[in-house]
Amino acid sequence: AGRDLLLAQIKARLPATASLTWSSA
């Protein structure tokens, strides 16, 4: 859950024109 929160923080700091996805971690 902590890892997923960190990844969510990385995604949140991307600009509106950027997106980041992954299939598994």
PDBML (XML) file of the C-alpha atoms, coordinates in Angstrom:
<?xml version="1.0" encoding="UTF-8" ?>
<PDBx:datablock datablockName="MODEL"
   xmlns:PDBx="http://pdbml.pdb.org/schema/pdbx-v50.xsd"
   xmlns:xsi="http://www.w3.org/2001/XMLSchema-instance"
   xsi:schemaLocation="http://pdbml.pdb.org/schema/pdbx-v50.xsd pdbx-v50.xsd">
   <PDBx:atom_siteCategory>
      <PDBx:atom_site id="1">
         <PDBx:B_iso_or_equiv>0.00</PDBx:B_iso_or_equiv>
         <PDBx:Cartn_x>0.000</PDBx:Cartn_x>
         <PDBx:Cartn_y>0.000</PDBx:Cartn_y>
         <PDBx:Cartn_z>0.000</PDBx:Cartn_z>
         <PDBx:auth_asym_id>A</PDBx:auth_asym_id>
         <PDBx:auth_atom_id>CA</PDBx:auth_atom_id>
         <PDBx:auth_comp_id>ALA</PDBx:auth_comp_id>
         <PDBx:auth_seq_id>1</PDBx:auth_seq_id>
         <PDBx:group_PDB>ATOM</PDBx:group_PDB>
         <PDBx:label_alt_id xsi:nil="true" />
         <PDBx:label_asym_id>A</PDBx:label_asym_id>
         <PDBx:label_atom_id>CA</PDBx:label_atom_id>
         <PDBx:label_comp_id>ALA</PDBx:label_comp_id>
         <PDBx:label_entity_id>1</PDBx:label_entity_id>
         <PDBx:label_seq_id>1</PDBx:label_seq_id>
         <PDBx:occupancy>1.00</PDBx:occupancy>
         <PDBx:pdbx_PDB_model_num>1</PDBx:pdbx_PDB_model_num>
         <PDBx:type_symbol>C</PDBx:type_symbol>
      </PDBx:atom_site>
      <PDBx:atom_site id="2">
         <PDBx:B_iso_or_equiv>0.00</PDBx:B_iso_or_equiv>
         <PDBx:Cartn_x>2.886</PDBx:Cartn_x>
         <PDBx:Cartn_y>2.380</PDBx:Cartn_y>
         <PDBx:Cartn_z>0.754</PDBx:Cartn_z>
         <PDBx:auth_asym_id>A</PDBx:auth_asym_id>
         <PDBx:auth_atom_id>CA</PDBx:auth_atom_id>
         <PDBx:auth_comp_id>GLY</PDBx:auth_comp_id>
         <PDBx:auth_seq_id>2</PDBx:auth_seq_id>
         <PDBx:group_PDB>ATOM</PDBx:group_PDB>
         <PDBx:label_alt_id xsi:nil="true" />
         <PDBx:label_asym_id>A</PDBx:label_asym_id>
         <PDBx:label_atom_id>CA</PDBx:label_atom_id>
         <PDBx:label_comp_id>GLY</PDBx:label_comp_id>
         <PDBx:label_entity_id>1</PDBx:label_entity_id>
         <PDBx:label_seq_id>2</PDBx:label_seq_id>
         <PDBx:occupancy>1.00</PDBx:occupancy>
         <PDBx:pdbx_PDB_model_num>1</PDBx:pdbx_PDB_model_num>
         <PDBx:type_symbol>C</PDBx:type_symbol>
      </PDBx:atom_site>
      <PDBx:atom_site id="3">
         <PDBx:B_iso_or_equiv>0.00</PDBx:B_iso_or_equiv>
         <PDBx:Cartn_x>4.471</PDBx:Cartn_x>
         <PDBx:Cartn_y>1.606</PDBx:Cartn_y>
         <PDBx:Cartn_z>-2.601</PDBx:Cartn_z>
         <PDBx:auth_asym_id>A</PDBx:auth_asym_id>
         <PDBx:auth_atom_id>CA</PDBx:auth_atom_id>
         <PDBx:auth_comp_id>ARG</PDBx:auth_comp_id>
         <PDBx:auth_seq_id>3</PDBx:auth_seq_id>
         <PDBx:group_PDB>ATOM</PDBx:group_PDB>
         <PDBx:label_alt_id xsi:nil="true" />
         <PDBx:label_asym_id>A</PDBx:label_asym_id>
         <PDBx:label_atom_id>CA</PDBx:label_atom_id>
         <PDBx:label_comp_id>ARG</PDBx:label_comp_id>
         <PDBx:label_entity_id>1</PDBx:label_entity_id>
         <PDBx:label_seq_id>3</PDBx:label_seq_id>
         <PDBx:occupancy>1.00</PDBx:occupancy>
         <PDBx:pdbx_PDB_model_num>1</PDBx:pdbx_PDB_model_num>
         <PDBx:type_symbol>C</PDBx:type_symbol>
      </PDBx:atom_site>
      <PDBx:atom_site id="4">
         <PDBx:B_iso_or_equiv>0.00</PDBx:B_iso_or_equiv>
         <PDBx:Cartn_x>1.191</PDBx:Cartn_x>
         <PDBx:Cartn_y>2.293</PDBx:Cartn_y>
         <PDBx:Cartn_z>-4.370</PDBx:Cartn_z>
         <PDBx:auth_asym_id>A</PDBx:auth_asym_id>
         <PDBx:auth_atom_id>CA</PDBx:auth_atom_id>
         <PDBx:auth_comp_id>ASP</PDBx:auth_comp_id>
         <PDBx:auth_seq_id>4</PDBx:auth_seq_id>
         <PDBx:group_PDB>ATOM</PDBx:group_PDB>
         <PDBx:label_alt_id xsi:nil="true" />
         <PDBx:label_asym_id>A</PDBx:label_asym_id>
         <PDBx:label_atom_id>CA</PDBx:label_atom_id>
         <PDBx:label_comp_id>ASP</PDBx:label_comp_id>
         <PDBx:label_entity_id>1</PDBx:label_entity_id>
         <PDBx:label_seq_id>4</PDBx:label_seq_id>
         <PDBx:occupancy>1.00</PDBx:occupancy>
         <PDBx:pdbx_PDB_model_num>1</PDBx:pdbx_PDB_model_num>
         <PDBx:type_symbol>C</PDBx:type_symbol>
      </PDBx:atom_site>
      <PDBx:atom_site id="5">
         <PDBx:B_iso_or_equiv>0.00</PDBx:B_iso_or_equiv>
         <PDBx:Cartn_x>0.912</PDBx:Cartn_x>
         <PDBx:Cartn_y>5.614</PDBx:Cartn_y>
         <PDBx:Cartn_z>-2.511</PDBx:Cartn_z>
         <PDBx:auth_asym_id>A</PDBx:auth_asym_id>
         <PDBx:auth_atom_id>CA</PDBx:auth_atom_id>
         <PDBx:auth_comp_id>LEU</PDBx:auth_comp_id>
         <PDBx:auth_seq_id>5</PDBx:auth_seq_id>
         <PDBx:group_PDB>ATOM</PDBx:group_PDB>
         <PDBx:label_alt_id xsi:nil="true" />
         <PDBx:label_asym_id>A</PDBx:label_asym_id>
         <PDBx:label_atom_id>CA</PDBx:label_atom_id>
         <PDBx:label_comp_id>LEU</PDBx:label_comp_id>
         <PDBx:label_entity_id>1</PDBx:label_entity_id>
         <PDBx:label_seq_id>5</PDBx:label_seq_id>
         <PDBx:occupancy>1.00</PDBx:occupancy>
         <PDBx:pdbx_PDB_model_num>1</PDBx:pdbx_PDB_model_num>
         <PDBx:type_symbol>C</PDBx:type_symbol>
      </PDBx:atom_site>
      <PDBx:atom_site id="6">
         <PDBx:B_iso_or_equiv>0.00</PDBx:B_iso_or_equiv>
         <PDBx:Cartn_x>4.396</PDBx:Cartn_x>
         <PDBx:Cartn_y>6.603</PDBx:Cartn_y>
         <PDBx:Cartn_z>-3.683</PDBx:Cartn_z>
         <PDBx:auth_asym_id>A</PDBx:auth_asym_id>
         <PDBx:auth_atom_id>CA</PDBx:auth_atom_id>
         <PDBx:auth_comp_id>LEU</PDBx:auth_comp_id>
         <PDBx:auth_seq_id>6</PDBx:auth_seq_id>
         <PDBx:group_PDB>ATOM</PDBx:group_PDB>
         <PDBx:label_alt_id xsi:nil="true" />
         <PDBx:label_asym_id>A</PDBx:label_asym_id>
         <PDBx:label_atom_id>CA</PDBx:label_atom_id>
         <PDBx:label_comp_id>LEU</PDBx:label_comp_id>
         <PDBx:label_entity_id>1</PDBx:label_entity_id>
         <PDBx:label_seq_id>6</PDBx:label_seq_id>
         <PDBx:occupancy>1.00</PDBx:occupancy>
         <PDBx:pdbx_PDB_model_num>1</PDBx:pdbx_PDB_model_num>
         <PDBx:type_symbol>C</PDBx:type_symbol>
      </PDBx:atom_site>
      <PDBx:atom_site id="7">
         <PDBx:B_iso_or_equiv>0.00</PDBx:B_iso_or_equiv>
         <PDBx:Cartn_x>3.572</PDBx:Cartn_x>
         <PDBx:Cartn_y>5.725</PDBx:Cartn_y>
         <PDBx:Cartn_z>-7.283</PDBx:Cartn_z>
         <PDBx:auth_asym_id>A</PDBx:auth_asym_id>
         <PDBx:auth_atom_id>CA</PDBx:auth_atom_id>
         <PDBx:auth_comp_id>LEU</PDBx:auth_comp_id>
         <PDBx:auth_seq_id>7</PDBx:auth_seq_id>
         <PDBx:group_PDB>ATOM</PDBx:group_PDB>
         <PDBx:label_alt_id xsi:nil="true" />
         <PDBx:label_asym_id>A</PDBx:label_asym_id>
         <PDBx:label_atom_id>CA</PDBx:label_atom_id>
         <PDBx:label_comp_id>LEU</PDBx:label_comp_id>
         <PDBx:label_entity_id>1</PDBx:label_entity_id>
         <PDBx:label_seq_id>7</PDBx:label_seq_id>
         <PDBx:occupancy>1.00</PDBx:occupancy>
         <PDBx:pdbx_PDB_model_num>1</PDBx:pdbx_PDB_model_num>
         <PDBx:type_symbol>C</PDBx:type_symbol>
      </PDBx:atom_site>
      <PDBx:atom_site id="8">
         <PDBx:B_iso_or_equiv>0.00</PDBx:B_iso_or_equiv>
         <PDBx:Cartn_x>0.361</PDBx:Cartn_x>
         <PDBx:Cartn_y>7.732</PDBx:Cartn_y>
         <PDBx:Cartn_z>-6.972</PDBx:Cartn_z>
         <PDBx:auth_asym_id>A</PDBx:auth_asym_id>
         <PDBx:auth_atom_id>CA</PDBx:auth_atom_id>
         <PDBx:auth_comp_id>ALA</PDBx:auth_comp_id>
         <PDBx:auth_seq_id>8</PDBx:auth_seq_id>
         <PDBx:group_PDB>ATOM</PDBx:group_PDB>
         <PDBx:label_alt_id xsi:nil="true" />
         <PDBx:label_asym_id>A</PDBx:label_asym_id>
         <PDBx:label_atom_id>CA</PDBx:label_atom_id>
         <PDBx:label_comp_id>ALA</PDBx:label_comp_id>
         <PDBx:label_entity_id>1</PDBx:label_entity_id>
         <PDBx:label_seq_id>8</PDBx:label_seq_id>
         <PDBx:occupancy>1.00</PDBx:occupancy>
         <PDBx:pdbx_PDB_model_num>1</PDBx:pdbx_PDB_model_num>
         <PDBx:type_symbol>C</PDBx:type_symbol>
      </PDBx:atom_site>
      <PDBx:atom_site id="9">
         <PDBx:B_iso_or_equiv>0.00</PDBx:B_iso_or_equiv>
         <PDBx:Cartn_x>2.436</PDBx:Cartn_x>
         <PDBx:Cartn_y>10.707</PDBx:Cartn_y>
         <PDBx:Cartn_z>-5.779</PDBx:Cartn_z>
         <PDBx:auth_asym_id>A</PDBx:auth_asym_id>
         <PDBx:auth_atom_id>CA</PDBx:auth_atom_id>
         <PDBx:auth_comp_id>GLN</PDBx:auth_comp_id>
         <PDBx:auth_seq_id>9</PDBx:auth_seq_id>
         <PDBx:group_PDB>ATOM</PDBx:group_PDB>
         <PDBx:label_alt_id xsi:nil="true" />
         <PDBx:label_asym_id>A</PDBx:label_asym_id>
         <PDBx:label_atom_id>CA</PDBx:label_atom_id>
         <PDBx:label_comp_id>GLN</PDBx:label_comp_id>
         <PDBx:label_entity_id>1</PDBx:label_entity_id>
         <PDBx:label_seq_id>9</PDBx:label_seq_id>
         <PDBx:occupancy>1.00</PDBx:occupancy>
         <PDBx:pdbx_PDB_model_num>1</PDBx:pdbx_PDB_model_num>
         <PDBx:type_symbol>C</PDBx:type_symbol>
      </PDBx:atom_site>
      <PDBx:atom_site id="10">
         <PDBx:B_iso_or_equiv>0.00</PDBx:B_iso_or_equiv>
         <PDBx:Cartn_x>4.684</PDBx:Cartn_x>
         <PDBx:Cartn_y>10.394</PDBx:Cartn_y>
         <PDBx:Cartn_z>-8.834</PDBx:Cartn_z>
         <PDBx:auth_asym_id>A</PDBx:auth_asym_id>
         <PDBx:auth_atom_id>CA</PDBx:auth_atom_id>
         <PDBx:auth_comp_id>ILE</PDBx:auth_comp_id>
         <PDBx:auth_seq_id>10</PDBx:auth_seq_id>
         <PDBx:group_PDB>ATOM</PDBx:group_PDB>
         <PDBx:label_alt_id xsi:nil="true" />
         <PDBx:label_asym_id>A</PDBx:label_asym_id>
         <PDBx:label_atom_id>CA</PDBx:label_atom_id>
         <PDBx:label_comp_id>ILE</PDBx:label_comp_id>
         <PDBx:label_entity_id>1</PDBx:label_entity_id>
         <PDBx:label_seq_id>10</PDBx:label_seq_id>
         <PDBx:occupancy>1.00</PDBx:occupancy>
         <PDBx:pdbx_PDB_model_num>1</PDBx:pdbx_PDB_model_num>
         <PDBx:type_symbol>C</PDBx:type_symbol>
      </PDBx:atom_site>
      <PDBx:atom_site id="11">
         <PDBx:B_iso_or_equiv>0.00</PDBx:B_iso_or_equiv>
         <PDBx:Cartn_x>1.643</PDBx:Cartn_x>
         <PDBx:Cartn_y>10.341</PDBx:Cartn_y>
         <PDBx:Cartn_z>-11.118</PDBx:Cartn_z>
         <PDBx:auth_asym_id>A</PDBx:auth_asym_id>
         <PDBx:auth_atom_id>CA</PDBx:auth_atom_id>
         <PDBx:auth_comp_id>LYS</PDBx:auth_comp_id>
         <PDBx:auth_seq_id>11</PDBx:auth_seq_id>
         <PDBx:group_PDB>ATOM</PDBx:group_PDB>
         <PDBx:label_alt_id xsi:nil="true" />
         <PDBx:label_asym_id>A</PDBx:label_asym_id>
         <PDBx:label_atom_id>CA</PDBx:label_atom_id>
         <PDBx:label_comp_id>LYS</PDBx:label_comp_id>
         <PDBx:label_entity_id>1</PDBx:label_entity_id>
         <PDBx:label_seq_id>11</PDBx:label_seq_id>
         <PDBx:occupancy>1.00</PDBx:occupancy>
         <PDBx:pdbx_PDB_model_num>1</PDBx:pdbx_PDB_model_num>
         <PDBx:type_symbol>C</PDBx:type_symbol>
      </PDBx:atom_site>
      <PDBx:atom_site id="12">
         <PDBx:B_iso_or_equiv>0.00</PDBx:B_iso_or_equiv>
         <PDBx:Cartn_x>0.106</PDBx:Cartn_x>
         <PDBx:Cartn_y>13.320</PDBx:Cartn_y>
         <PDBx:Cartn_z>-9.284</PDBx:Cartn_z>
         <PDBx:auth_asym_id>A</PDBx:auth_asym_id>
         <PDBx:auth_atom_id>CA</PDBx:auth_atom_id>
         <PDBx:auth_comp_id>ALA</PDBx:auth_comp_id>
         <PDBx:auth_seq_id>12</PDBx:auth_seq_id>
         <PDBx:group_PDB>ATOM</PDBx:group_PDB>
         <PDBx:label_alt_id xsi:nil="true" />
         <PDBx:label_asym_id>A</PDBx:label_asym_id>
         <PDBx:label_atom_id>CA</PDBx:label_atom_id>
         <PDBx:label_comp_id>ALA</PDBx:label_comp_id>
         <PDBx:label_entity_id>1</PDBx:label_entity_id>
         <PDBx:label_seq_id>12</PDBx:label_seq_id>
         <PDBx:occupancy>1.00</PDBx:occupancy>
         <PDBx:pdbx_PDB_model_num>1</PDBx:pdbx_PDB_model_num>
         <PDBx:type_symbol>C</PDBx:type_symbol>
      </PDBx:atom_site>
      <PDBx:atom_site id="13">
         <PDBx:B_iso_or_equiv>0.00</PDBx:B_iso_or_equiv>
         <PDBx:Cartn_x>3.210</PDBx:Cartn_x>
         <PDBx:Cartn_y>15.429</PDBx:Cartn_y>
         <PDBx:Cartn_z>-9.906</PDBx:Cartn_z>
         <PDBx:auth_asym_id>A</PDBx:auth_asym_id>
         <PDBx:auth_atom_id>CA</PDBx:auth_atom_id>
         <PDBx:auth_comp_id>ARG</PDBx:auth_comp_id>
         <PDBx:auth_seq_id>13</PDBx:auth_seq_id>
         <PDBx:group_PDB>ATOM</PDBx:group_PDB>
         <PDBx:label_alt_id xsi:nil="true" />
         <PDBx:label_asym_id>A</PDBx:label_asym_id>
         <PDBx:label_atom_id>CA</PDBx:label_atom_id>
         <PDBx:label_comp_id>ARG</PDBx:label_comp_id>
         <PDBx:label_entity_id>1</PDBx:label_entity_id>
         <PDBx:label_seq_id>13</PDBx:label_seq_id>
         <PDBx:occupancy>1.00</PDBx:occupancy>
         <PDBx:pdbx_PDB_model_num>1</PDBx:pdbx_PDB_model_num>
         <PDBx:type_symbol>C</PDBx:type_symbol>
      </PDBx:atom_site>
      <PDBx:atom_site id="14">
         <PDBx:B_iso_or_equiv>0.00</PDBx:B_iso_or_equiv>
         <PDBx:Cartn_x>3.104</PDBx:Cartn_x>
         <PDBx:Cartn_y>14.911</PDBx:Cartn_y>
         <PDBx:Cartn_z>-13.655</PDBx:Cartn_z>
         <PDBx:auth_asym_id>A</PDBx:auth_asym_id>
         <PDBx:auth_atom_id>CA</PDBx:auth_atom_id>
         <PDBx:auth_comp_id>LEU</PDBx:auth_comp_id>
         <PDBx:auth_seq_id>14</PDBx:auth_seq_id>
         <PDBx:group_PDB>ATOM</PDBx:group_PDB>
         <PDBx:label_alt_id xsi:nil="true" />
         <PDBx:label_asym_id>A</PDBx:label_asym_id>
         <PDBx:label_atom_id>CA</PDBx:label_atom_id>
         <PDBx:label_comp_id>LEU</PDBx:label_comp_id>
         <PDBx:label_entity_id>1</PDBx:label_entity_id>
         <PDBx:label_seq_id>14</PDBx:label_seq_id>
         <PDBx:occupancy>1.00</PDBx:occupancy>
         <PDBx:pdbx_PDB_model_num>1</PDBx:pdbx_PDB_model_num>
         <PDBx:type_symbol>C</PDBx:type_symbol>
      </PDBx:atom_site>
      <PDBx:atom_site id="15">
         <PDBx:B_iso_or_equiv>0.00</PDBx:B_iso_or_equiv>
         <PDBx:Cartn_x>1.646</PDBx:Cartn_x>
         <PDBx:Cartn_y>17.718</PDBx:Cartn_y>
         <PDBx:Cartn_z>-15.766</PDBx:Cartn_z>
         <PDBx:auth_asym_id>A</PDBx:auth_asym_id>
         <PDBx:auth_atom_id>CA</PDBx:auth_atom_id>
         <PDBx:auth_comp_id>PRO</PDBx:auth_comp_id>
         <PDBx:auth_seq_id>15</PDBx:auth_seq_id>
         <PDBx:group_PDB>ATOM</PDBx:group_PDB>
         <PDBx:label_alt_id xsi:nil="true" />
         <PDBx:label_asym_id>A</PDBx:label_asym_id>
         <PDBx:label_atom_id>CA</PDBx:label_atom_id>
         <PDBx:label_comp_id>PRO</PDBx:label_comp_id>
         <PDBx:label_entity_id>1</PDBx:label_entity_id>
         <PDBx:label_seq_id>15</PDBx:label_seq_id>
         <PDBx:occupancy>1.00</PDBx:occupancy>
         <PDBx:pdbx_PDB_model_num>1</PDBx:pdbx_PDB_model_num>
         <PDBx:type_symbol>C</PDBx:type_symbol>
      </PDBx:atom_site>
      <PDBx:atom_site id="16">
         <PDBx:B_iso_or_equiv>0.00</PDBx:B_iso_or_equiv>
         <PDBx:Cartn_x>-1.846</PDBx:Cartn_x>
         <PDBx:Cartn_y>17.422</PDBx:Cartn_y>
         <PDBx:Cartn_z>-17.230</PDBx:Cartn_z>
         <PDBx:auth_asym_id>A</PDBx:auth_asym_id>
         <PDBx:auth_atom_id>CA</PDBx:auth_atom_id>
         <PDBx:auth_comp_id>ALA</PDBx:auth_comp_id>
         <PDBx:auth_seq_id>16</PDBx:auth_seq_id>
         <PDBx:group_PDB>ATOM</PDBx:group_PDB>
         <PDBx:label_alt_id xsi:nil="true" />
         <PDBx:label_asym_id>A</PDBx:label_asym_id>
         <PDBx:label_atom_id>CA</PDBx:label_atom_id>
         <PDBx:label_comp_id>ALA</PDBx:label_comp_id>
         <PDBx:label_entity_id>1</PDBx:label_entity_id>
         <PDBx:label_seq_id>16</PDBx:label_seq_id>
         <PDBx:occupancy>1.00</PDBx:occupancy>
         <PDBx:pdbx_PDB_model_num>1</PDBx:pdbx_PDB_model_num>
         <PDBx:type_symbol>C</PDBx:type_symbol>
      </PDBx:atom_site>
      <PDBx:atom_site id="17">
         <PDBx:B_iso_or_equiv>0.00</PDBx:B_iso_or_equiv>
         <PDBx:Cartn_x>-0.399</PDBx:Cartn_x>
         <PDBx:Cartn_y>16.512</PDBx:Cartn_y>
         <PDBx:Cartn_z>-20.638</PDBx:Cartn_z>
         <PDBx:auth_asym_id>A</PDBx:auth_asym_id>
         <PDBx:auth_atom_id>CA</PDBx:auth_atom_id>
         <PDBx:auth_comp_id>THR</PDBx:auth_comp_id>
         <PDBx:auth_seq_id>17</PDBx:auth_seq_id>
         <PDBx:group_PDB>ATOM</PDBx:group_PDB>
         <PDBx:label_alt_id xsi:nil="true" />
         <PDBx:label_asym_id>A</PDBx:label_asym_id>
         <PDBx:label_atom_id>CA</PDBx:label_atom_id>
         <PDBx:label_comp_id>THR</PDBx:label_comp_id>
         <PDBx:label_entity_id>1</PDBx:label_entity_id>
         <PDBx:label_seq_id>17</PDBx:label_seq_id>
         <PDBx:occupancy>1.00</PDBx:occupancy>
         <PDBx:pdbx_PDB_model_num>1</PDBx:pdbx_PDB_model_num>
         <PDBx:type_symbol>C</PDBx:type_symbol>
      </PDBx:atom_site>
      <PDBx:atom_site id="18">
         <PDBx:B_iso_or_equiv>0.00</PDBx:B_iso_or_equiv>
         <PDBx:Cartn_x>1.437</PDBx:Cartn_x>
         <PDBx:Cartn_y>13.458</PDBx:Cartn_y>
         <PDBx:Cartn_z>-19.242</PDBx:Cartn_z>
         <PDBx:auth_asym_id>A</PDBx:auth_asym_id>
         <PDBx:auth_atom_id>CA</PDBx:auth_atom_id>
         <PDBx:auth_comp_id>ALA</PDBx:auth_comp_id>
         <PDBx:auth_seq_id>18</PDBx:auth_seq_id>
         <PDBx:group_PDB>ATOM</PDBx:group_PDB>
         <PDBx:label_alt_id xsi:nil="true" />
         <PDBx:label_asym_id>A</PDBx:label_asym_id>
         <PDBx:label_atom_id>CA</PDBx:label_atom_id>
         <PDBx:label_comp_id>ALA</PDBx:label_comp_id>
         <PDBx:label_entity_id>1</PDBx:label_entity_id>
         <PDBx:label_seq_id>18</PDBx:label_seq_id>
         <PDBx:occupancy>1.00</PDBx:occupancy>
         <PDBx:pdbx_PDB_model_num>1</PDBx:pdbx_PDB_model_num>
         <PDBx:type_symbol>C</PDBx:type_symbol>
      </PDBx:atom_site>
      <PDBx:atom_site id="19">
         <PDBx:B_iso_or_equiv>0.00</PDBx:B_iso_or_equiv>
         <PDBx:Cartn_x>0.242</PDBx:Cartn_x>
         <PDBx:Cartn_y>10.018</PDBx:Cartn_y>
         <PDBx:Cartn_z>-18.150</PDBx:Cartn_z>
         <PDBx:auth_asym_id>A</PDBx:auth_asym_id>
         <PDBx:auth_atom_id>CA</PDBx:auth_atom_id>
         <PDBx:auth_comp_id>SER</PDBx:auth_comp_id>
         <PDBx:auth_seq_id>19</PDBx:auth_seq_id>
         <PDBx:group_PDB>ATOM</PDBx:group_PDB>
         <PDBx:label_alt_id xsi:nil="true" />
         <PDBx:label_asym_id>A</PDBx:label_asym_id>
         <PDBx:label_atom_id>CA</PDBx:label_atom_id>
         <PDBx:label_comp_id>SER</PDBx:label_comp_id>
         <PDBx:label_entity_id>1</PDBx:label_entity_id>
         <PDBx:label_seq_id>19</PDBx:label_seq_id>
         <PDBx:occupancy>1.00</PDBx:occupancy>
         <PDBx:pdbx_PDB_model_num>1</PDBx:pdbx_PDB_model_num>
         <PDBx:type_symbol>C</PDBx:type_symbol>
      </PDBx:atom_site>
      <PDBx:atom_site id="20">
         <PDBx:B_iso_or_equiv>0.00</PDBx:B_iso_or_equiv>
         <PDBx:Cartn_x>1.917</PDBx:Cartn_x>
         <PDBx:Cartn_y>6.986</PDBx:Cartn_y>
         <PDBx:Cartn_z>-16.595</PDBx:Cartn_z>
         <PDBx:auth_asym_id>A</PDBx:auth_asym_id>
         <PDBx:auth_atom_id>CA</PDBx:auth_atom_id>
         <PDBx:auth_comp_id>LEU</PDBx:auth_comp_id>
         <PDBx:auth_seq_id>20</PDBx:auth_seq_id>
         <PDBx:group_PDB>ATOM</PDBx:group_PDB>
         <PDBx:label_alt_id xsi:nil="true" />
         <PDBx:label_asym_id>A</PDBx:label_asym_id>
         <PDBx:label_atom_id>CA</PDBx:label_atom_id>
         <PDBx:label_comp_id>LEU</PDBx:label_comp_id>
         <PDBx:label_entity_id>1</PDBx:label_entity_id>
         <PDBx:label_seq_id>20</PDBx:label_seq_id>
         <PDBx:occupancy>1.00</PDBx:occupancy>
         <PDBx:pdbx_PDB_model_num>1</PDBx:pdbx_PDB_model_num>
         <PDBx:type_symbol>C</PDBx:type_symbol>
      </PDBx:atom_site>
      <PDBx:atom_site id="21">
         <PDBx:B_iso_or_equiv>0.00</PDBx:B_iso_or_equiv>
         <PDBx:Cartn_x>0.540</PDBx:Cartn_x>
         <PDBx:Cartn_y>3.433</PDBx:Cartn_y>
         <PDBx:Cartn_z>-16.346</PDBx:Cartn_z>
         <PDBx:auth_asym_id>A</PDBx:auth_asym_id>
         <PDBx:auth_atom_id>CA</PDBx:auth_atom_id>
         <PDBx:auth_comp_id>THR</PDBx:auth_comp_id>
         <PDBx:auth_seq_id>21</PDBx:auth_seq_id>
         <PDBx:group_PDB>ATOM</PDBx:group_PDB>
         <PDBx:label_alt_id xsi:nil="true" />
         <PDBx:label_asym_id>A</PDBx:label_asym_id>
         <PDBx:label_atom_id>CA</PDBx:label_atom_id>
         <PDBx:label_comp_id>THR</PDBx:label_comp_id>
         <PDBx:label_entity_id>1</PDBx:label_entity_id>
         <PDBx:label_seq_id>21</PDBx:label_seq_id>
         <PDBx:occupancy>1.00</PDBx:occupancy>
         <PDBx:pdbx_PDB_model_num>1</PDBx:pdbx_PDB_model_num>
         <PDBx:type_symbol>C</PDBx:type_symbol>
      </PDBx:atom_site>
      <PDBx:atom_site id="22">
         <PDBx:B_iso_or_equiv>0.00</PDBx:B_iso_or_equiv>
         <PDBx:Cartn_x>1.908</PDBx:Cartn_x>
         <PDBx:Cartn_y>-0.041</PDBx:Cartn_y>
         <PDBx:Cartn_z>-15.618</PDBx:Cartn_z>
         <PDBx:auth_asym_id>A</PDBx:auth_asym_id>
         <PDBx:auth_atom_id>CA</PDBx:auth_atom_id>
         <PDBx:auth_comp_id>TRP</PDBx:auth_comp_id>
         <PDBx:auth_seq_id>22</PDBx:auth_seq_id>
         <PDBx:group_PDB>ATOM</PDBx:group_PDB>
         <PDBx:label_alt_id xsi:nil="true" />
         <PDBx:label_asym_id>A</PDBx:label_asym_id>
         <PDBx:label_atom_id>CA</PDBx:label_atom_id>
         <PDBx:label_comp_id>TRP</PDBx:label_comp_id>
         <PDBx:label_entity_id>1</PDBx:label_entity_id>
         <PDBx:label_seq_id>22</PDBx:label_seq_id>
         <PDBx:occupancy>1.00</PDBx:occupancy>
         <PDBx:pdbx_PDB_model_num>1</PDBx:pdbx_PDB_model_num>
         <PDBx:type_symbol>C</PDBx:type_symbol>
      </PDBx:atom_site>
      <PDBx:atom_site id="23">
         <PDBx:B_iso_or_equiv>0.00</PDBx:B_iso_or_equiv>
         <PDBx:Cartn_x>0.460</PDBx:Cartn_x>
         <PDBx:Cartn_y>-3.554</PDBx:Cartn_y>
         <PDBx:Cartn_z>-15.679</PDBx:Cartn_z>
         <PDBx:auth_asym_id>A</PDBx:auth_asym_id>
         <PDBx:auth_atom_id>CA</PDBx:auth_atom_id>
         <PDBx:auth_comp_id>SER</PDBx:auth_comp_id>
         <PDBx:auth_seq_id>23</PDBx:auth_seq_id>
         <PDBx:group_PDB>ATOM</PDBx:group_PDB>
         <PDBx:label_alt_id xsi:nil="true" />
         <PDBx:label_asym_id>A</PDBx:label_asym_id>
         <PDBx:label_atom_id>CA</PDBx:label_atom_id>
         <PDBx:label_comp_id>SER</PDBx:label_comp_id>
         <PDBx:label_entity_id>1</PDBx:label_entity_id>
         <PDBx:label_seq_id>23</PDBx:label_seq_id>
         <PDBx:occupancy>1.00</PDBx:occupancy>
         <PDBx:pdbx_PDB_model_num>1</PDBx:pdbx_PDB_model_num>
         <PDBx:type_symbol>C</PDBx:type_symbol>
      </PDBx:atom_site>
      <PDBx:atom_site id="24">
         <PDBx:B_iso_or_equiv>0.00</PDBx:B_iso_or_equiv>
         <PDBx:Cartn_x>1.974</PDBx:Cartn_x>
         <PDBx:Cartn_y>-4.829</PDBx:Cartn_y>
         <PDBx:Cartn_z>-12.410</PDBx:Cartn_z>
         <PDBx:auth_asym_id>A</PDBx:auth_asym_id>
         <PDBx:auth_atom_id>CA</PDBx:auth_atom_id>
         <PDBx:auth_comp_id>SER</PDBx:auth_comp_id>
         <PDBx:auth_seq_id>24</PDBx:auth_seq_id>
         <PDBx:group_PDB>ATOM</PDBx:group_PDB>
         <PDBx:label_alt_id xsi:nil="true" />
         <PDBx:label_asym_id>A</PDBx:label_asym_id>
         <PDBx:label_atom_id>CA</PDBx:label_atom_id>
         <PDBx:label_comp_id>SER</PDBx:label_comp_id>
         <PDBx:label_entity_id>1</PDBx:label_entity_id>
         <PDBx:label_seq_id>24</PDBx:label_seq_id>
         <PDBx:occupancy>1.00</PDBx:occupancy>
         <PDBx:pdbx_PDB_model_num>1</PDBx:pdbx_PDB_model_num>
         <PDBx:type_symbol>C</PDBx:type_symbol>
      </PDBx:atom_site>
      <PDBx:atom_site id="25">
         <PDBx:B_iso_or_equiv>0.00</PDBx:B_iso_or_equiv>
         <PDBx:Cartn_x>4.457</PDBx:Cartn_x>
         <PDBx:Cartn_y>-3.837</PDBx:Cartn_y>
         <PDBx:Cartn_z>-9.710</PDBx:Cartn_z>
         <PDBx:auth_asym_id>A</PDBx:auth_asym_id>
         <PDBx:auth_atom_id>CA</PDBx:auth_atom_id>
         <PDBx:auth_comp_id>ALA</PDBx:auth_comp_id>
         <PDBx:auth_seq_id>25</PDBx:auth_seq_id>
         <PDBx:group_PDB>ATOM</PDBx:group_PDB>
         <PDBx:label_alt_id xsi:nil="true" />
         <PDBx:label_asym_id>A</PDBx:label_asym_id>
         <PDBx:label_atom_id>CA</PDBx:label_atom_id>
         <PDBx:label_comp_id>ALA</PDBx:label_comp_id>
         <PDBx:label_entity_id>1</PDBx:label_entity_id>
         <PDBx:label_seq_id>25</PDBx:label_seq_id>
         <PDBx:occupancy>1.00</PDBx:occupancy>
         <PDBx:pdbx_PDB_model_num>1</PDBx:pdbx_PDB_model_num>
         <PDBx:type_symbol>C</PDBx:type_symbol>
      </PDBx:atom_site>
   </PDBx:atom_siteCategory>
</PDBx:datablock>
